[in-house]
PDB file of N, CA and C in Angstrom:
ATOM      1  N   PRO A   1      24.018  28.265  70.655  1.00  0.00           N
ATOM      2  CA  PRO A   1      24.841  29.377  71.079  1.00  0.00           C
ATOM      3  C   PRO A   1      24.435  30.654  70.347  1.00  0.00           C
ATOM      4  N   ARG A   2      24.448  31.725  71.063  1.00  0.00           N
ATOM      5  CA  ARG A   2      24.004  32.982  70.474  1.00  0.00           C
ATOM      6  C   ARG A   2      24.998  33.493  69.438  1.00  0.00           C
ATOM      7  N   PHE A   3      26.267  33.649  69.802  1.00  0.00           N
ATOM      8  CA  PHE A   3      27.256  34.165  68.866  1.00  0.00           C
ATOM      9  C   PHE A   3      28.391  33.181  68.617  1.00  0.00           C
ATOM     10  N   HIS A   4      28.949  32.622  69.694  1.00  0.00           N
ATOM     11  CA  HIS A   4      30.133  31.775  69.592  1.00  0.00           C
ATOM     12  C   HIS A   4      29.888  30.458  70.322  1.00  0.00           C
ATOM     13  N   LYS A   5      30.077  29.355  69.639  1.00  0.00           N
ATOM     14  CA  LYS A   5      29.749  28.059  70.234  1.00  0.00           C
ATOM     15  C   LYS A   5      30.659  27.666  71.387  1.00  0.00           C
ATOM     16  N   ASN A   6      31.824  28.266  71.516  1.00  0.00           N
ATOM     17  CA  ASN A   6      32.755  27.901  72.583  1.00  0.00           C
ATOM     18  C   ASN A   6      32.788  28.901  73.728  1.00  0.00           C
ATOM     19  N   VAL A   7      31.776  29.739  73.839  1.00  0.00           N
ATOM     20  CA  VAL A   7      31.724  30.733  74.909  1.00  0.00           C
ATOM     21  C   VAL A   7      30.646  30.339  75.912  1.00  0.00           C
ATOM     22  N   TYR A   8      31.047  30.288  77.168  1.00  0.00           N
ATOM     23  CA  TYR A   8      30.137  29.977  78.259  1.00  0.00           C
ATOM     24  C   TYR A   8      30.129  31.167  79.210  1.00  0.00           C
ATOM     25  N   ILE A   9      29.122  31.257  80.066  1.00  0.00           N
ATOM     26  CA  ILE A   9      29.015  32.398  80.965  1.00  0.00           C
ATOM     27  C   ILE A   9      28.755  31.944  82.396  1.00  0.00           C
ATOM     28  N   ASP A  10      29.050  32.825  83.319  1.00  0.00           N
ATOM     29  CA  ASP A  10      28.651  32.612  84.698  1.00  0.00           C
ATOM     30  C   ASP A  10      28.112  33.939  85.214  1.00  0.00           C
ATOM     31  N   ILE A  11      27.405  33.878  86.317  1.00  0.00           N
ATOM     32  CA  ILE A  11      26.855  35.109  86.890  1.00  0.00           C
ATOM     33  C   ILE A  11      27.364  35.259  88.317  1.00  0.00           C
ATOM     34  N   THR A  12      28.673  35.383  88.449  1.00  0.00           N
ATOM     35  CA  THR A  12      29.278  35.513  89.758  1.00  0.00           C
ATOM     36  C   THR A  12      29.096  36.917  90.305  1.00  0.00           C
ATOM     37  N   GLY A  13      29.369  37.047  91.554  1.00  0.00           N
ATOM     38  CA  GLY A  13      29.309  38.346  92.207  1.00  0.00           C
ATOM     39  C   GLY A  13      29.135  38.186  93.703  1.00  0.00           C
ATOM     40  N   LYS A  14      29.451  39.244  94.429  1.00  0.00           N
ATOM     41  CA  LYS A  14      29.287  39.211  95.880  1.00  0.00           C
ATOM     42  C   LYS A  14      27.824  38.963  96.226  1.00  0.00           C
ATOM     43  N   LEU A  15      27.610  38.230  97.282  1.00  0.00           N
ATOM     44  CA  LEU A  15      26.241  37.919  97.707  1.00  0.00           C
ATOM     45  C   LEU A  15      25.467  39.177  98.075  1.00  0.00           C
ATOM     46  N   THR A  16      26.159  40.203  98.528  1.00  0.00           N
ATOM     47  CA  THR A  16      25.490  41.450  98.893  1.00  0.00           C
ATOM     48  C   THR A  16      25.544  42.475  97.763  1.00  0.00           C
ATOM     49  N   GLY A  17      26.118  42.100  96.646  1.00  0.00           N
ATOM     50  CA  GLY A  17      26.222  43.005  95.507  1.00  0.00           C
ATOM     51  C   GLY A  17      25.009  42.882  94.599  1.00  0.00           C
ATOM     52  N   TRP A  18      25.256  42.919  93.325  1.00  0.00           N
ATOM     53  CA  TRP A  18      24.168  42.903  92.351  1.00  0.00           C
ATOM     54  C   TRP A  18      23.341  41.625  92.433  1.00  0.00           C
ATOM     55  N   ARG A  19      23.941  40.526  92.883  1.00  0.00           N
ATOM     56  CA  ARG A  19      23.212  39.258  93.006  1.00  0.00           C
ATOM     57  C   ARG A  19      22.056  39.364  93.994  1.00  0.00           C
ATOM     58  N   ALA A  20      22.239  40.166  95.037  1.00  0.00           N
ATOM     59  CA  ALA A  20      21.201  40.304  96.063  1.00  0.00           C
ATOM     60  C   ALA A  20      19.927  40.912  95.487  1.00  0.00           C
ATOM     61  N   HIS A  21      20.062  41.635  94.391  1.00  0.00           N
ATOM     62  CA  HIS A  21      18.911  42.305  93.781  1.00  0.00           C
ATOM     63  C   HIS A  21      18.428  41.592  92.521  1.00  0.00           C
ATOM     64  N   LEU A  22      19.025  40.460  92.216  1.00  0.00           N
ATOM     65  CA  LEU A  22      18.702  39.719  91.007  1.00  0.00           C
ATOM     66  C   LEU A  22      17.357  39.020  91.165  1.00  0.00           C
ATOM     67  N   ARG A  23      16.496  39.238  90.203  1.00  0.00           N
ATOM     68  CA  ARG A  23      15.190  38.585  90.199  1.00  0.00           C
ATOM     69  C   ARG A  23      15.106  37.676  88.980  1.00  0.00           C
ATOM     70  N   GLY A  24      14.141  36.786  88.999  1.00  0.00           N
ATOM     71  CA  GLY A  24      13.964  35.857  87.886  1.00  0.00           C
ATOM     72  C   GLY A  24      13.810  36.558  86.555  1.00  0.00           C
ATOM     73  N   GLU A  25      13.016  37.621  86.531  1.00  0.00           N
ATOM     74  CA  GLU A  25      12.812  38.321  85.256  1.00  0.00           C
ATOM     75  C   GLU A  25      14.098  38.983  84.759  1.00  0.00           C
ATOM     76  N   ASP A  26      15.005  39.343  85.700  1.00  0.00           N
ATOM     77  CA  ASP A  26      16.293  39.907  85.292  1.00  0.00           C
ATOM     78  C   ASP A  26      17.123  38.858  84.547  1.00  0.00           C
ATOM     79  N   ILE A  27      17.128  37.667  85.090  1.00  0.00           N
ATOM     80  CA  ILE A  27      17.867  36.581  84.443  1.00  0.00           C
ATOM     81  C   ILE A  27      17.258  36.260  83.088  1.00  0.00           C
ATOM     82  N   ARG A  28      15.953  36.175  83.026  1.00  0.00           N
ATOM     83  CA  ARG A  28      15.282  35.896  81.745  1.00  0.00           C
ATOM     84  C   ARG A  28      15.596  36.979  80.711  1.00  0.00           C
ATOM     85  N   ARG A  29      15.721  38.206  81.145  1.00  0.00           N
ATOM     86  CA  ARG A  29      16.044  39.305  80.228  1.00  0.00           C
ATOM     87  C   ARG A  29      17.487  39.178  79.723  1.00  0.00           C
ATOM     88  N   LEU A  30      18.398  38.766  80.598  1.00  0.00           N
ATOM     89  CA  LEU A  30      19.801  38.599  80.212  1.00  0.00           C
ATOM     90  C   LEU A  30      20.017  37.361  79.350  1.00  0.00           C
ATOM     91  N   LEU A  31      19.314  36.303  79.690  1.00  0.00           N
ATOM     92  CA  LEU A  31      19.503  35.016  79.016  1.00  0.00           C
ATOM     93  C   LEU A  31      18.258  34.656  78.213  1.00  0.00           C
ATOM     94  N   TRP A  32      17.879  35.509  77.318  1.00  0.00           N
ATOM     95  CA  TRP A  32      16.632  35.397  76.572  1.00  0.00           C
ATOM     96  C   TRP A  32      16.726  34.473  75.364  1.00  0.00           C
ATOM     97  N   TYR A  33      17.906  34.220  74.863  1.00  0.00           N
ATOM     98  CA  TYR A  33      18.049  33.497  73.600  1.00  0.00           C
ATOM     99  C   TYR A  33      17.986  31.976  73.802  1.00  0.00           C
ATOM    100  N   PRO A  34      17.563  31.233  72.781  1.00  0.00           N
ATOM    101  CA  PRO A  34      17.435  29.772  72.894  1.00  0.00           C
ATOM    102  C   PRO A  34      18.757  29.119  73.291  1.00  0.00           C
ATOM    103  N   GLY A  35      18.700  28.242  74.259  1.00  0.00           N
ATOM    104  CA  GLY A  35      19.888  27.514  74.708  1.00  0.00           C
ATOM    105  C   GLY A  35      20.783  28.290  75.659  1.00  0.00           C
ATOM    106  N   ALA A  36      20.372  29.474  76.079  1.00  0.00           N
ATOM    107  CA  ALA A  36      21.220  30.312  76.938  1.00  0.00           C
ATOM    108  C   ALA A  36      21.565  29.626  78.251  1.00  0.00           C
ATOM    109  N   PHE A  37      20.595  28.983  78.878  1.00  0.00           N
ATOM    110  CA  PHE A  37      20.857  28.364  80.175  1.00  0.00           C
ATOM    111  C   PHE A  37      21.785  27.164  80.051  1.00  0.00           C
ATOM    112  N   GLU A  38      21.846  26.559  78.880  1.00  0.00           N
ATOM    113  CA  GLU A  38      22.774  25.459  78.657  1.00  0.00           C
ATOM    114  C   GLU A  38      24.211  25.965  78.529  1.00  0.00           C
ATOM    115  N   ARG A  39      24.395  27.278  78.368  1.00  0.00           N
ATOM    116  CA  ARG A  39      25.714  27.901  78.254  1.00  0.00           C
ATOM    117  C   ARG A  39      26.167  28.508  79.574  1.00  0.00           C
ATOM    118  N   LEU A  40      25.349  28.351  80.611  1.00  0.00           N
ATOM    119  CA  LEU A  40      25.629  28.939  81.912  1.00  0.00           C
ATOM    120  C   LEU A  40      26.371  27.935  82.785  1.00  0.00           C
ATOM    121  N   ILE A  41      27.424  28.395  83.454  1.00  0.00           N
ATOM    122  CA  ILE A  41      28.224  27.552  84.337  1.00  0.00           C
ATOM    123  C   ILE A  41      28.247  28.211  85.710  1.00  0.00           C
ATOM    124  N   PHE A  42      27.956  27.436  86.753  1.00  0.00           N
ATOM    125  CA  PHE A  42      28.038  28.001  88.090  1.00  0.00           C
ATOM    126  C   PHE A  42      29.483  28.364  88.383  1.00  0.00           C
ATOM    127  N   GLY A  43      29.670  29.552  88.842  1.00  0.00           N
ATOM    128  CA  GLY A  43      30.981  30.024  89.271  1.00  0.00           C
ATOM    129  C   GLY A  43      30.764  31.058  90.344  1.00  0.00           C
ATOM    130  N   THR A  44      31.748  31.260  91.166  1.00  0.00           N
ATOM    131  CA  THR A  44      31.611  32.270  92.201  1.00  0.00           C
ATOM    132  C   THR A  44      32.973  32.833  92.554  1.00  0.00           C
ATOM    133  N   ASP A  45      32.963  34.084  92.947  1.00  0.00           N
ATOM    134  CA  ASP A  45      34.196  34.711  93.412  1.00  0.00           C
ATOM    135  C   ASP A  45      34.061  35.165  94.857  1.00  0.00           C
ATOM    136  N   VAL A  46      33.139  34.542  95.569  1.00  0.00           N
ATOM    137  CA  VAL A  46      32.949  34.875  96.979  1.00  0.00           C
ATOM    138  C   VAL A  46      33.998  34.159  97.822  1.00  0.00           C
ATOM    139  N   HIS A  47      34.141  34.585  99.051  1.00  0.00           N
ATOM    140  CA  HIS A  47      35.048  33.935  99.994  1.00  0.00           C
ATOM    141  C   HIS A  47      34.590  32.489 100.190  1.00  0.00           C
ATOM    142  N   CYS A  48      35.518  31.605 100.466  1.00  0.00           N
ATOM    143  CA  CYS A  48      35.179  30.184 100.606  1.00  0.00           C
ATOM    144  C   CYS A  48      34.116  29.941 101.673  1.00  0.00           C
ATOM    145  N   SER A  49      34.015  30.806 102.655  1.00  0.00           N
ATOM    146  CA  SER A  49      32.999  30.635 103.695  1.00  0.00           C
ATOM    147  C   SER A  49      31.592  30.951 103.180  1.00  0.00           C
ATOM    148  N   GLU A  50      31.495  31.555 101.981  1.00  0.00           N
ATOM    149  CA  GLU A  50      30.196  31.941 101.427  1.00  0.00           C
ATOM    150  C   GLU A  50      29.787  31.111 100.201  1.00  0.00           C
ATOM    151  N   VAL A  51      30.598  30.134  99.832  1.00  0.00           N
ATOM    152  CA  VAL A  51      30.301  29.351  98.626  1.00  0.00           C
ATOM    153  C   VAL A  51      28.976  28.622  98.751  1.00  0.00           C
ATOM    154  N   ARG A  52      28.720  28.005  99.886  1.00  0.00           N
ATOM    155  CA  ARG A  52      27.456  27.276 100.072  1.00  0.00           C
ATOM    156  C   ARG A  52      26.266  28.222  99.914  1.00  0.00           C
ATOM    157  N   GLN A  53      26.359  29.400 100.469  1.00  0.00           N
ATOM    158  CA  GLN A  53      25.275  30.384 100.363  1.00  0.00           C
ATOM    159  C   GLN A  53      25.076  30.812  98.911  1.00  0.00           C
ATOM    160  N   ALA A  54      26.159  31.011  98.174  1.00  0.00           N
ATOM    161  CA  ALA A  54      26.060  31.385  96.757  1.00  0.00           C
ATOM    162  C   ALA A  54      25.417  30.270  95.955  1.00  0.00           C
ATOM    163  N   LEU A  55      25.819  29.049  96.228  1.00  0.00           N
ATOM    164  CA  LEU A  55      25.247  27.890  95.548  1.00  0.00           C
ATOM    165  C   LEU A  55      23.759  27.771  95.844  1.00  0.00           C
ATOM    166  N   ASP A  56      23.385  27.896  97.100  1.00  0.00           N
ATOM    167  CA  ASP A  56      21.973  27.827  97.480  1.00  0.00           C
ATOM    168  C   ASP A  56      21.165  28.946  96.835  1.00  0.00           C
ATOM    169  N   GLN A  57      21.740  30.141  96.781  1.00  0.00           N
ATOM    170  CA  GLN A  57      21.072  31.286  96.163  1.00  0.00           C
ATOM    171  C   GLN A  57      20.790  31.015  94.678  1.00  0.00           C
ATOM    172  N   ASP A  58      21.782  30.488  93.980  1.00  0.00           N
ATOM    173  CA  ASP A  58      21.586  30.175  92.565  1.00  0.00           C
ATOM    174  C   ASP A  58      20.570  29.058  92.373  1.00  0.00           C
ATOM    175  N   ARG A  59      20.640  28.037  93.210  1.00  0.00           N
ATOM    176  CA  ARG A  59      19.668  26.932  93.104  1.00  0.00           C
ATOM    177  C   ARG A  59      18.240  27.436  93.283  1.00  0.00           C
ATOM    178  N   ARG A  60      18.028  28.294  94.260  1.00  0.00           N
ATOM    179  CA  ARG A  60      16.688  28.865  94.467  1.00  0.00           C
ATOM    180  C   ARG A  60      16.248  29.669  93.237  1.00  0.00           C
ATOM    181  N   LEU A  61      17.162  30.431  92.690  1.00  0.00           N
ATOM    182  CA  LEU A  61      16.846  31.245  91.520  1.00  0.00           C
ATOM    183  C   LEU A  61      16.403  30.374  90.351  1.00  0.00           C
ATOM    184  N   TYR A  62      17.148  29.329  90.030  1.00  0.00           N
ATOM    185  CA  TYR A  62      16.807  28.482  88.880  1.00  0.00           C
ATOM    186  C   TYR A  62      15.536  27.677  89.127  1.00  0.00           C
ATOM    187  N   ARG A  63      15.314  27.276  90.379  1.00  0.00           N
ATOM    188  CA  ARG A  63      14.045  26.603  90.692  1.00  0.00           C
ATOM    189  C   ARG A  63      12.879  27.565  90.491  1.00  0.00           C
ATOM    190  N   SER A  64      13.045  28.819  90.926  1.00  0.00           N
ATOM    191  CA  SER A  64      11.958  29.788  90.781  1.00  0.00           C
ATOM    192  C   SER A  64      11.669  30.075  89.308  1.00  0.00           C
ATOM    193  N   LEU A  65      12.672  29.928  88.454  1.00  0.00           N
ATOM    194  CA  LEU A  65      12.501  30.128  87.017  1.00  0.00           C
ATOM    195  C   LEU A  65      11.985  28.870  86.317  1.00  0.00           C
ATOM    196  N   ARG A  66      11.843  27.803  87.101  1.00  0.00           N
ATOM    197  CA  ARG A  66      11.392  26.509  86.574  1.00  0.00           C
ATOM    198  C   ARG A  66      12.319  25.999  85.466  1.00  0.00           C
ATOM    199  N   ILE A  67      13.619  26.200  85.691  1.00  0.00           N
ATOM    200  CA  ILE A  67      14.619  25.669  84.767  1.00  0.00           C
ATOM    201  C   ILE A  67      14.643  24.160  84.965  1.00  0.00           C
ATOM    202  N   ALA A  68      14.584  23.421  83.880  1.00  0.00           N
ATOM    203  CA  ALA A  68      14.538  21.961  83.946  1.00  0.00           C
ATOM    204  C   ALA A  68      15.688  21.413  84.794  1.00  0.00           C
ATOM    205  N   LYS A  69      15.394  20.360  85.545  1.00  0.00           N
ATOM    206  CA  LYS A  69      16.394  19.748  86.424  1.00  0.00           C
ATOM    207  C   LYS A  69      17.649  19.343  85.641  1.00  0.00           C
ATOM    208  N   LYS A  70      17.470  18.817  84.468  1.00  0.00           N
ATOM    209  CA  LYS A  70      18.618  18.407  83.652  1.00  0.00           C
ATOM    210  C   LYS A  70      19.493  19.615  83.294  1.00  0.00           C
ATOM    211  N   VAL A  71      18.881  20.739  82.977  1.00  0.00           N
ATOM    212  CA  VAL A  71      19.644  21.949  82.656  1.00  0.00           C
ATOM    213  C   VAL A  71      20.362  22.453  83.906  1.00  0.00           C
ATOM    214  N   GLN A  72      19.696  22.383  85.058  1.00  0.00           N
ATOM    215  CA  GLN A  72      20.344  22.781  86.307  1.00  0.00           C
ATOM    216  C   GLN A  72      21.567  21.910  86.575  1.00  0.00           C
ATOM    217  N   GLU A  73      21.474  20.640  86.271  1.00  0.00           N
ATOM    218  CA  GLU A  73      22.614  19.741  86.454  1.00  0.00           C
ATOM    219  C   GLU A  73      23.785  20.159  85.573  1.00  0.00           C
ATOM    220  N   THR A  74      23.496  20.641  84.373  1.00  0.00           N
ATOM    221  CA  THR A  74      24.595  21.105  83.510  1.00  0.00           C
ATOM    222  C   THR A  74      25.203  22.379  84.077  1.00  0.00           C
ATOM    223  N   ILE A  75      24.367  23.278  84.601  1.00  0.00           N
ATOM    224  CA  ILE A  75      24.864  24.526  85.188  1.00  0.00           C
ATOM    225  C   ILE A  75      25.782  24.230  86.369  1.00  0.00           C
ATOM    226  N   PHE A  76      25.363  23.306  87.230  1.00  0.00           N
ATOM    227  CA  PHE A  76      26.086  23.027  88.467  1.00  0.00           C
ATOM    228  C   PHE A  76      27.104  21.896  88.329  1.00  0.00           C
ATOM    229  N   GLY A  77      27.745  21.786  87.191  1.00  0.00           N
ATOM    230  CA  GLY A  77      28.856  20.847  87.076  1.00  0.00           C
ATOM    231  C   GLY A  77      28.900  20.025  85.814  1.00  0.00           C
ATOM    232  N   GLY A  78      27.757  19.735  85.230  1.00  0.00           N
ATOM    233  CA  GLY A  78      27.737  18.868  84.054  1.00  0.00           C
ATOM    234  C   GLY A  78      28.503  19.428  82.871  1.00  0.00           C
ATOM    235  N   THR A  79      28.325  20.705  82.596  1.00  0.00           N
ATOM    236  CA  THR A  79      29.020  21.313  81.460  1.00  0.00           C
ATOM    237  C   THR A  79      30.516  21.345  81.704  1.00  0.00           C
ATOM    238  N   MET A  80      30.945  21.740  82.904  1.00  0.00           N
ATOM    239  CA  MET A  80      32.381  21.775  83.197  1.00  0.00           C
ATOM    240  C   MET A  80      32.989  20.386  83.115  1.00  0.00           C
ATOM    241  N   ALA A  81      32.281  19.392  83.618  1.00  0.00           N
ATOM    242  CA  ALA A  81      32.779  18.022  83.536  1.00  0.00           C
ATOM    243  C   ALA A  81      32.978  17.621  82.077  1.00  0.00           C
ATOM    244  N   ARG A  82      32.014  17.952  81.238  1.00  0.00           N
ATOM    245  CA  ARG A  82      32.117  17.632  79.814  1.00  0.00           C
ATOM    246  C   ARG A  82      33.291  18.372  79.178  1.00  0.00           C
ATOM    247  N   LEU A  83      33.423  19.655  79.465  1.00  0.00           N
ATOM    248  CA  LEU A  83      34.506  20.451  78.880  1.00  0.00           C
ATOM    249  C   LEU A  83      35.881  19.957  79.320  1.00  0.00           C
ATOM    250  N   LEU A  84      35.973  19.456  80.542  1.00  0.00           N
ATOM    251  CA  LEU A  84      37.239  18.962  81.072  1.00  0.00           C
ATOM    252  C   LEU A  84      37.462  17.484  80.789  1.00  0.00           C
ATOM    253  N   GLY A  85      36.493  16.838  80.151  1.00  0.00           N
ATOM    254  CA  GLY A  85      36.619  15.419  79.843  1.00  0.00           C
ATOM    255  C   GLY A  85      36.484  14.524  81.064  1.00  0.00           C
ATOM    256  N   LEU A  86      35.760  14.981  82.072  1.00  0.00           N
ATOM    257  CA  LEU A  86      35.549  14.207  83.285  1.00  0.00           C
ATOM    258  C   LEU A  86      34.247  13.426  83.167  1.00  0.00           C
ATOM    259  N   PRO A  87      34.133  12.311  83.882  1.00  0.00           N
ATOM    260  CA  PRO A  87      32.870  11.571  83.834  1.00  0.00           C
ATOM    261  C   PRO A  87      31.746  12.375  84.474  1.00  0.00           C
ATOM    262  N   ALA A  88      30.554  12.201  83.952  1.00  0.00           N
ATOM    263  CA  ALA A  88      29.371  12.879  84.504  1.00  0.00           C
ATOM    264  C   ALA A  88      29.057  12.311  85.873  1.00  0.00           C
ATOM    265  N   ARG A  89      28.533  13.175  86.753  1.00  0.00           N
ATOM    266  CA  ARG A  89      28.116  12.708  88.078  1.00  0.00           C
ATOM    267  C   ARG A  89      26.866  11.881  87.946  1.00  0.00           C
ATOM    268  N   ALA A  90      26.776  10.866  88.754  1.00  0.00           N
ATOM    269  CA  ALA A  90      25.600   9.999  88.752  1.00  0.00           C
ATOM    270  C   ALA A  90      24.544  10.535  89.673  1.00  0.00           C
TER     271      ALA A  90
END
């Protein structure tokens, strides 16, 4: 953790807002410190009809950054499951 071990982040936003202009190097610049991607949690504030599109957009972004599959699994539910004391998805 960069500053606080109990702080996690998400990069929510409208699909046509700042996310539409987000590039891999932008994310790398924001999340430059060791372990940053392990502190990232998928979240969205889009309308329920756009959740799938937001999820797909984030998945493409992390694949393009070559984020390890295991780290992507933590971003897309693993960390929240752990924080909530839920069993990990198989």
